[in-house]
């Protein structure tokens, strides 16, 4: 997980900073979630990166093959 907040303004500011900042991320590998809140749970915004499964890496040695 790269970032998580319950504050929508903070969420938007963080995304804007990522889009305009010097640090570049691979947007094709990101996951944006919004967990909708109700009275008991506030809405949560989360930005994550997909992590490839090392078992699926074709360059990795497979001793069982």
N, C-alpha and C. Protein backbone atom coordinates (compact mmCIF):
# COMPACT_ATOMS: atom_id res chain seq x y z
N UNK A 1 0.85 -1.17 0.00
CA UNK A 1 0.00 0.00 0.00
C UNK A 1 0.90 1.24 0.00
N UNK A 2 0.57 2.17 -0.88
CA UNK A 2 1.34 3.41 -0.98
C UNK A 2 0.78 4.53 -0.11
N UNK A 3 -0.55 4.59 -0.02
CA UNK A 3 -1.18 5.71 0.68
C UNK A 3 -2.59 5.32 1.08
N UNK A 4 -3.01 5.77 2.26
CA UNK A 4 -4.38 5.55 2.72
C UNK A 4 -4.80 6.71 3.61
N UNK A 5 -6.03 7.16 3.42
CA UNK A 5 -6.55 8.26 4.23
C UNK A 5 -8.07 8.18 4.29
N UNK A 6 -8.64 8.87 5.24
CA UNK A 6 -10.09 9.00 5.34
C UNK A 6 -10.53 10.41 4.94
N UNK A 7 -9.56 11.24 4.63
CA UNK A 7 -9.82 12.64 4.28
C UNK A 7 -9.80 12.79 2.76
N UNK A 8 -10.94 13.11 2.15
CA UNK A 8 -11.02 13.19 0.69
C UNK A 8 -10.13 14.29 0.12
N UNK A 9 -10.02 15.42 0.79
CA UNK A 9 -9.16 16.51 0.32
C UNK A 9 -7.69 16.07 0.33
N UNK A 10 -7.29 15.37 1.37
CA UNK A 10 -5.92 14.86 1.45
C UNK A 10 -5.68 13.83 0.34
N UNK A 11 -6.68 13.00 0.08
CA UNK A 11 -6.61 12.00 -0.99
C UNK A 11 -6.37 12.66 -2.34
N UNK A 12 -7.19 13.65 -2.66
CA UNK A 12 -7.07 14.35 -3.95
C UNK A 12 -5.73 15.07 -4.06
N UNK A 13 -5.28 15.69 -2.97
CA UNK A 13 -3.99 16.39 -2.98
C UNK A 13 -2.84 15.41 -3.21
N UNK A 14 -2.92 14.25 -2.59
CA UNK A 14 -1.85 13.25 -2.76
C UNK A 14 -1.80 12.76 -4.20
N UNK A 15 -2.96 12.44 -4.79
CA UNK A 15 -2.98 12.00 -6.19
C UNK A 15 -2.46 13.08 -7.12
N UNK A 16 -2.88 14.32 -6.87
CA UNK A 16 -2.41 15.43 -7.70
C UNK A 16 -0.89 15.56 -7.59
N UNK A 17 -0.36 15.42 -6.40
CA UNK A 17 1.08 15.48 -6.20
C UNK A 17 1.82 14.39 -6.94
N UNK A 18 1.24 13.19 -6.96
CA UNK A 18 1.86 12.09 -7.70
C UNK A 18 1.85 12.35 -9.20
N UNK A 19 0.77 12.92 -9.69
CA UNK A 19 0.66 13.17 -11.13
C UNK A 19 1.59 14.28 -11.60
N UNK A 20 1.82 15.27 -10.77
CA UNK A 20 2.61 16.43 -11.19
C UNK A 20 4.03 16.44 -10.63
N UNK A 21 4.33 15.55 -9.70
CA UNK A 21 5.64 15.52 -9.07
C UNK A 21 6.71 14.88 -9.92
N UNK A 22 7.93 14.93 -9.40
CA UNK A 22 9.06 14.34 -10.11
C UNK A 22 9.06 12.82 -10.01
N UNK A 23 8.57 12.28 -8.90
CA UNK A 23 8.52 10.83 -8.74
C UNK A 23 7.46 10.26 -9.68
N UNK A 24 7.83 9.27 -10.45
CA UNK A 24 6.92 8.66 -11.41
C UNK A 24 6.56 7.25 -10.93
N UNK A 25 5.29 6.93 -11.03
CA UNK A 25 4.85 5.57 -10.72
C UNK A 25 4.19 4.99 -11.97
N UNK A 26 4.16 3.69 -12.04
CA UNK A 26 3.53 3.00 -13.16
C UNK A 26 2.03 2.90 -12.86
N UNK A 27 1.26 3.78 -13.45
CA UNK A 27 -0.18 3.83 -13.18
C UNK A 27 -0.88 2.55 -13.62
N UNK A 28 -0.29 1.81 -14.56
CA UNK A 28 -0.89 0.55 -14.99
C UNK A 28 -0.78 -0.51 -13.89
N UNK A 29 0.12 -0.30 -12.95
CA UNK A 29 0.31 -1.25 -11.86
C UNK A 29 -0.31 -0.77 -10.55
N UNK A 30 -1.13 0.27 -10.60
CA UNK A 30 -1.74 0.79 -9.38
C UNK A 30 -3.17 0.29 -9.23
N UNK A 31 -3.60 0.31 -8.00
CA UNK A 31 -4.98 -0.03 -7.68
C UNK A 31 -5.50 1.06 -6.77
N UNK A 32 -6.63 1.65 -7.15
CA UNK A 32 -7.26 2.70 -6.36
C UNK A 32 -8.56 2.13 -5.81
N UNK A 33 -8.69 2.16 -4.49
CA UNK A 33 -9.88 1.66 -3.84
C UNK A 33 -10.54 2.76 -3.01
N UNK A 34 -11.85 2.76 -3.01
CA UNK A 34 -12.61 3.64 -2.13
C UNK A 34 -13.58 2.75 -1.38
N UNK A 35 -13.33 2.58 -0.10
CA UNK A 35 -14.18 1.77 0.74
C UNK A 35 -15.26 2.67 1.31
N UNK A 36 -16.46 2.51 0.79
CA UNK A 36 -17.57 3.38 1.15
C UNK A 36 -17.99 3.15 2.59
N UNK A 37 -18.02 4.21 3.33
CA UNK A 37 -18.38 4.13 4.73
C UNK A 37 -19.87 4.29 4.96
N UNK A 38 -20.26 3.95 6.12
CA UNK A 38 -21.62 4.14 6.60
C UNK A 38 -21.52 4.84 7.94
N UNK A 39 -22.53 4.79 8.70
CA UNK A 39 -22.52 5.49 9.99
C UNK A 39 -21.42 4.96 10.91
N UNK A 40 -21.20 3.65 10.91
CA UNK A 40 -20.21 3.06 11.82
C UNK A 40 -18.78 3.15 11.30
N UNK A 41 -18.59 3.20 9.99
CA UNK A 41 -17.25 3.21 9.39
C UNK A 41 -17.13 4.37 8.41
N UNK A 42 -16.12 5.22 8.57
CA UNK A 42 -15.93 6.31 7.60
C UNK A 42 -15.39 5.78 6.27
N UNK A 43 -15.59 6.54 5.21
CA UNK A 43 -15.05 6.19 3.89
C UNK A 43 -13.54 6.25 3.95
N UNK A 44 -12.89 5.27 3.34
CA UNK A 44 -11.43 5.20 3.31
C UNK A 44 -10.98 5.13 1.85
N UNK A 45 -9.93 5.89 1.53
CA UNK A 45 -9.34 5.93 0.19
C UNK A 45 -7.97 5.27 0.28
N UNK A 46 -7.67 4.37 -0.69
CA UNK A 46 -6.40 3.64 -0.63
C UNK A 46 -5.78 3.54 -2.02
N UNK A 47 -4.47 3.76 -2.09
CA UNK A 47 -3.69 3.60 -3.32
C UNK A 47 -2.66 2.51 -3.07
N UNK A 48 -2.70 1.47 -3.91
CA UNK A 48 -1.79 0.33 -3.76
C UNK A 48 -1.12 0.02 -5.08
N UNK A 49 -0.03 -0.71 -5.00
CA UNK A 49 0.66 -1.22 -6.19
C UNK A 49 0.47 -2.72 -6.26
N UNK A 50 0.20 -3.24 -7.46
CA UNK A 50 0.17 -4.67 -7.66
C UNK A 50 1.59 -5.19 -7.54
N UNK A 51 1.73 -6.31 -6.89
CA UNK A 51 3.03 -6.96 -6.74
C UNK A 51 2.96 -8.28 -7.49
N UNK A 52 3.79 -8.45 -8.51
CA UNK A 52 3.74 -9.69 -9.28
C UNK A 52 4.08 -10.90 -8.41
N UNK A 53 3.46 -12.01 -8.71
CA UNK A 53 3.74 -13.26 -8.01
C UNK A 53 5.06 -13.82 -8.52
N UNK A 54 6.06 -13.95 -7.65
CA UNK A 54 7.37 -14.44 -8.12
C UNK A 54 7.29 -15.85 -8.71
N UNK A 55 6.29 -16.62 -8.35
CA UNK A 55 6.15 -17.97 -8.91
C UNK A 55 5.79 -17.92 -10.39
N UNK A 56 5.29 -16.80 -10.85
CA UNK A 56 4.90 -16.65 -12.26
C UNK A 56 6.00 -16.01 -13.10
N UNK A 57 7.15 -15.76 -12.53
CA UNK A 57 8.26 -15.12 -13.23
C UNK A 57 8.91 -16.11 -14.18
N UNK A 58 8.82 -15.89 -15.51
CA UNK A 58 9.40 -16.84 -16.47
C UNK A 58 10.92 -16.90 -16.42
N UNK A 59 11.57 -15.86 -15.87
CA UNK A 59 13.03 -15.85 -15.80
C UNK A 59 13.55 -16.58 -14.56
N UNK A 60 12.66 -16.92 -13.66
CA UNK A 60 13.05 -17.56 -12.42
C UNK A 60 13.28 -19.06 -12.66
N UNK A 61 14.32 -19.61 -12.02
CA UNK A 61 14.58 -21.05 -12.11
C UNK A 61 13.48 -21.81 -11.40
N UNK A 62 13.00 -22.87 -12.04
CA UNK A 62 11.96 -23.70 -11.46
C UNK A 62 12.54 -25.10 -11.23
N UNK A 63 12.99 -25.40 -10.02
CA UNK A 63 13.60 -26.72 -9.76
C UNK A 63 12.61 -27.86 -9.90
N UNK A 64 11.32 -27.58 -9.81
CA UNK A 64 10.33 -28.65 -9.90
C UNK A 64 9.92 -28.96 -11.34
N UNK A 65 10.54 -28.32 -12.34
CA UNK A 65 10.19 -28.55 -13.75
C UNK A 65 11.31 -29.27 -14.47
